[in-house]
Protein backbone atom coordinates (compact mmCIF):
# COMPACT_ATOMS: atom_id res chain seq x y z
CA MET A 1 100.39 6.47 -87.68
CA GLU A 2 96.69 6.71 -86.86
CA VAL A 3 94.63 5.64 -89.87
CA LYS A 4 90.84 5.81 -90.07
CA ILE A 5 89.97 2.19 -90.69
CA GLU A 6 87.72 -0.42 -89.09
CA PRO A 7 89.15 -1.27 -85.64
CA SER A 8 89.79 -5.00 -86.14
CA TRP A 9 91.77 -4.26 -89.28
CA ARG A 10 93.60 -1.35 -87.65
CA GLU A 11 94.80 -3.63 -84.87
CA VAL A 12 96.34 -6.25 -87.17
CA LEU A 13 97.67 -3.77 -89.73
CA GLN A 14 99.18 -1.29 -87.27
CA GLY A 15 102.67 -2.56 -88.02
CA GLU A 16 102.16 -1.55 -91.66
CA PHE A 17 100.83 1.88 -90.69
CA ASP A 18 103.93 2.45 -88.53
CA SER A 19 106.38 1.40 -91.26
CA PRO A 20 108.49 3.92 -93.19
CA TYR A 21 107.13 2.70 -96.53
CA PHE A 22 103.57 3.53 -95.44
CA ALA A 23 104.55 7.05 -94.38
CA GLU A 24 106.05 7.56 -97.84
CA LEU A 25 102.90 6.13 -99.43
CA VAL A 26 100.74 8.56 -97.45
CA ARG A 27 102.86 11.49 -98.62
CA PHE A 28 102.49 10.38 -102.23
CA VAL A 29 98.73 9.85 -101.98
CA ARG A 30 98.08 13.15 -100.22
CA ALA A 31 100.03 15.02 -102.89
CA ALA A 32 98.17 13.18 -105.64
CA TYR A 33 94.77 14.16 -104.21
CA ALA A 34 95.93 17.74 -103.66
CA HIS A 35 97.19 18.28 -107.19
CA GLY A 36 94.95 16.15 -109.41
CA THR A 37 91.87 13.97 -109.65
CA VAL A 38 92.27 10.65 -107.86
CA TYR A 39 89.78 7.85 -107.26
CA PRO A 40 88.09 6.70 -105.11
CA PRO A 41 87.02 9.67 -102.94
CA GLY A 42 89.47 9.90 -100.05
CA ARG A 43 86.92 8.81 -97.45
CA LEU A 44 86.46 5.52 -99.35
CA ILE A 45 90.09 4.43 -99.75
CA PHE A 46 89.71 1.78 -97.02
CA GLU A 47 86.05 0.99 -97.75
CA ALA A 48 86.72 -2.71 -98.39
CA PHE A 49 88.11 -3.06 -94.86
CA ASN A 50 85.46 -0.85 -93.28
CA ARG A 51 82.61 -2.74 -94.93
CA THR A 52 83.97 -6.22 -94.10
CA PRO A 53 85.65 -6.53 -90.68
CA LEU A 54 88.40 -9.11 -90.24
CA ASP A 55 86.33 -11.65 -88.34
CA LYS A 56 83.45 -11.40 -90.83
CA VAL A 57 85.49 -12.29 -93.91
CA ARG A 58 84.41 -15.54 -95.58
CA VAL A 59 85.40 -14.92 -99.21
CA VAL A 60 88.16 -12.76 -100.69
CA VAL A 61 87.96 -11.39 -104.24
CA LEU A 62 91.22 -9.76 -105.35
CA GLY A 63 91.19 -6.99 -107.94
CA GLN A 64 94.06 -4.97 -109.35
CA ASP A 65 93.39 -1.25 -109.00
CA PRO A 66 90.29 0.97 -108.78
CA TYR A 67 88.23 1.99 -111.79
CA HIS A 68 89.64 5.23 -113.14
CA GLU A 69 86.62 6.95 -114.73
CA PRO A 70 84.31 9.46 -112.99
CA GLY A 71 81.78 8.06 -110.54
CA GLN A 72 82.97 4.46 -110.72
CA ALA A 73 85.45 3.72 -107.92
CA GLN A 74 83.96 3.37 -104.45
CA GLY A 75 86.74 1.48 -102.66
CA LEU A 76 85.41 -2.02 -103.38
CA ALA A 77 86.90 -4.18 -106.14
CA PHE A 78 84.59 -4.46 -109.19
CA TYR A 79 81.78 -2.43 -107.58
CA VAL A 80 80.17 0.68 -109.08
CA PRO A 81 77.20 2.53 -107.55
CA PRO A 82 73.68 2.45 -109.01
CA GLY A 83 73.24 4.66 -112.04
CA VAL A 84 76.83 4.22 -113.24
CA ARG A 85 77.31 2.24 -116.45
CA THR A 86 78.30 -1.34 -115.69
CA PRO A 87 82.01 -1.88 -116.50
CA PRO A 88 82.76 -4.84 -118.78
CA SER A 89 84.40 -6.97 -116.07
CA LEU A 90 81.40 -6.59 -113.76
CA PHE A 91 79.07 -7.38 -116.67
CA ASN A 92 81.01 -10.61 -117.27
CA ILE A 93 80.85 -11.46 -113.55
CA ALA A 94 77.08 -11.07 -113.84
CA LYS A 95 77.00 -13.35 -116.91
CA GLU A 96 78.96 -16.09 -115.12
CA LEU A 97 76.76 -15.77 -112.05
CA ALA A 98 73.63 -16.08 -114.20
CA SER A 99 75.01 -19.24 -115.81
CA GLU A 100 75.60 -20.81 -112.38
CA TYR A 101 72.32 -19.58 -110.89
CA PRO A 102 69.83 -19.23 -113.80
CA GLU A 103 67.07 -18.30 -111.37
CA LEU A 104 68.83 -14.97 -110.76
CA SER A 105 68.47 -13.93 -114.41
CA PRO A 106 65.61 -15.91 -116.00
CA PRO A 107 65.73 -16.41 -119.79
CA GLY A 108 64.39 -13.36 -121.59
CA ALA A 109 64.81 -11.09 -118.59
CA PRO A 110 67.51 -8.38 -118.39
CA LEU A 111 70.81 -9.60 -116.98
CA ARG A 112 70.83 -9.04 -113.22
CA ILE A 113 73.89 -7.13 -112.05
CA PRO A 114 74.79 -8.46 -108.58
CA ASN A 115 74.67 -6.18 -105.55
CA LEU A 116 78.31 -6.15 -104.48
CA LEU A 117 77.48 -4.06 -101.41
CA SER A 118 75.41 -7.00 -100.21
CA TRP A 119 78.36 -9.29 -100.92
CA ALA A 120 80.64 -7.11 -98.79
CA ASP A 121 78.12 -7.01 -95.96
CA GLN A 122 77.92 -10.83 -96.03
CA GLY A 123 81.67 -11.24 -95.67
CA VAL A 124 83.06 -10.96 -99.19
CA LEU A 125 86.20 -8.80 -98.98
CA LEU A 126 86.39 -6.95 -102.32
CA LEU A 127 90.04 -5.97 -102.17
CA ASN A 128 92.02 -4.19 -104.84
CA ALA A 129 95.80 -4.60 -104.76
CA THR A 130 96.21 -0.85 -105.24
CA LEU A 131 93.74 1.36 -103.38
CA THR A 132 94.03 4.62 -105.35
CA VAL A 133 94.42 5.61 -109.01
CA GLU A 134 94.78 8.80 -111.03
CA ALA A 135 91.79 9.71 -113.20
CA GLY A 136 92.03 8.15 -116.65
CA ARG A 137 95.33 6.39 -115.92
CA ALA A 138 94.95 2.73 -115.04
CA GLY A 139 97.79 1.46 -112.86
CA SER A 140 99.12 4.93 -112.15
CA HIS A 141 99.52 4.32 -108.40
CA GLN A 142 101.09 0.88 -108.67
CA ARG A 143 104.51 0.22 -107.13
CA ARG A 144 104.10 3.04 -104.59
CA GLY A 145 103.49 0.81 -101.57
CA TRP A 146 99.86 -0.22 -101.81
CA GLU A 147 100.77 -3.71 -102.99
CA ARG A 148 102.91 -4.30 -99.90
CA PHE A 149 100.05 -3.13 -97.71
CA THR A 150 97.42 -5.35 -99.34
CA ASP A 151 99.86 -8.29 -99.42
CA ALA A 152 100.01 -7.91 -95.63
CA ALA A 153 96.22 -8.02 -95.42
CA VAL A 154 96.07 -11.21 -97.51
CA SER A 155 98.83 -12.82 -95.42
CA ILE A 156 97.02 -11.92 -92.18
CA LEU A 157 93.79 -13.47 -93.44
CA ALA A 158 95.56 -16.60 -94.62
CA ALA A 159 97.41 -17.01 -91.31
CA ARG A 160 94.74 -16.04 -88.78
CA ARG A 161 91.59 -17.47 -90.32
CA GLU A 162 90.55 -20.95 -91.43
CA HIS A 163 88.47 -22.15 -94.38
CA LEU A 164 88.24 -18.94 -96.36
CA VAL A 165 87.55 -18.89 -100.08
CA PHE A 166 89.99 -16.88 -102.20
CA MET A 167 88.84 -16.05 -105.74
CA LEU A 168 91.94 -15.29 -107.79
CA TRP A 169 90.95 -14.09 -111.25
CA GLY A 170 93.87 -13.46 -113.57
CA SER A 171 97.62 -13.87 -113.19
CA TYR A 172 98.04 -10.72 -111.10
CA ALA A 173 95.65 -11.95 -108.41
CA GLN A 174 97.13 -15.44 -108.58
CA GLN A 175 100.62 -14.10 -107.90
CA LYS A 176 99.25 -12.14 -104.96
CA GLY A 177 97.70 -15.32 -103.57
CA ALA A 178 100.96 -17.26 -103.55
CA VAL A 179 101.18 -17.00 -99.73
CA ILE A 180 97.85 -18.79 -99.15
CA ASP A 181 98.04 -22.26 -97.61
CA ARG A 182 95.74 -24.34 -99.78
CA ARG A 183 95.41 -26.99 -97.09
CA ARG A 184 93.63 -24.43 -94.87
CA HIS A 185 91.71 -22.46 -97.47
CA CYS A 186 89.90 -22.89 -100.77
CA VAL A 187 91.72 -21.16 -103.62
CA LEU A 188 89.74 -20.76 -106.86
CA GLU A 189 91.70 -19.60 -109.91
CA SER A 190 90.60 -18.60 -113.40
CA PRO A 191 91.36 -16.02 -116.07
CA HIS A 192 90.24 -12.47 -115.32
CA PRO A 193 86.63 -11.49 -116.15
CA SER A 194 87.90 -8.75 -118.48
CA PRO A 195 86.58 -9.06 -122.06
CA LEU A 196 90.18 -9.74 -123.10
CA SER A 197 90.31 -13.00 -121.15
CA ALA A 198 86.87 -14.04 -119.85
CA SER A 199 86.26 -16.46 -122.73
CA ARG A 200 89.51 -18.30 -121.92
CA GLY A 201 88.15 -19.86 -118.75
CA PHE A 202 86.38 -17.34 -116.55
CA PHE A 203 83.10 -18.21 -118.21
CA GLY A 204 82.23 -21.65 -116.92
CA CYS A 205 84.58 -21.50 -113.91
CA ASN A 206 81.66 -22.21 -111.53
CA HIS A 207 83.41 -20.31 -108.75
CA PHE A 208 80.27 -18.97 -107.08
CA ARG A 209 78.76 -22.41 -106.61
CA MET A 210 82.10 -23.90 -105.60
CA ALA A 211 82.61 -21.17 -103.01
CA ASN A 212 79.23 -21.83 -101.42
CA GLU A 213 79.74 -25.59 -101.44
CA TYR A 214 83.05 -25.12 -99.60
CA LEU A 215 81.57 -22.72 -97.06
CA VAL A 216 78.65 -25.02 -96.29
CA ALA A 217 80.97 -28.04 -96.04
CA HIS A 218 82.93 -26.16 -93.36
CA GLY A 219 79.99 -25.01 -91.31
CA ALA A 220 79.51 -21.52 -92.72
CA ALA A 221 76.44 -20.03 -94.35
CA PRO A 222 76.51 -19.67 -98.13
CA ILE A 223 76.76 -16.26 -99.77
CA GLU A 224 73.54 -14.93 -101.29
CA TRP A 225 75.02 -13.88 -104.60
């Protein structure tokens, strides 16, 4: 199957695109878009891959599924475009980032929401486990094949690249990261930044500083968070 996706990713994922499960997934997704409201817009389903080519990846942030309210989902985990209300998880990511880098949000100033597009362009793969979702129904496209596809992407990164940083926030992401060889990569784990769990260890995790320290120690440039 010919899929519109960044060429380096298309090459390594072609076996998935040619698999029967992916053909069934495509049928399901096309029907969902044809008969209801599905996010993100169809042209942005593979935006995480298109924005961050395989050889540019330095950090991987794993999300669960896209935001499911109007205007939010843009194909990048945790990202919403300017002018859209900041979701609670992204707000908590901003709070943790400000605690690690106080100069980004000086005391008394409004909390700075990080530019996740800039992250993606610097090599942060913002990958959701499920790439589509029905409007207003979180998790509605789970267990249809997306997880197998994104598992393959994680396995390819873990096998073909060296010294990547994987940020696994919450048990779902941590299960998805089970294939990662921790002798070859840096794996950072914490509770999810959701308001339901952020206070149980996401706040204070220091992952952004730890990621940059690891990258620099292995000859890569730090991320400008």
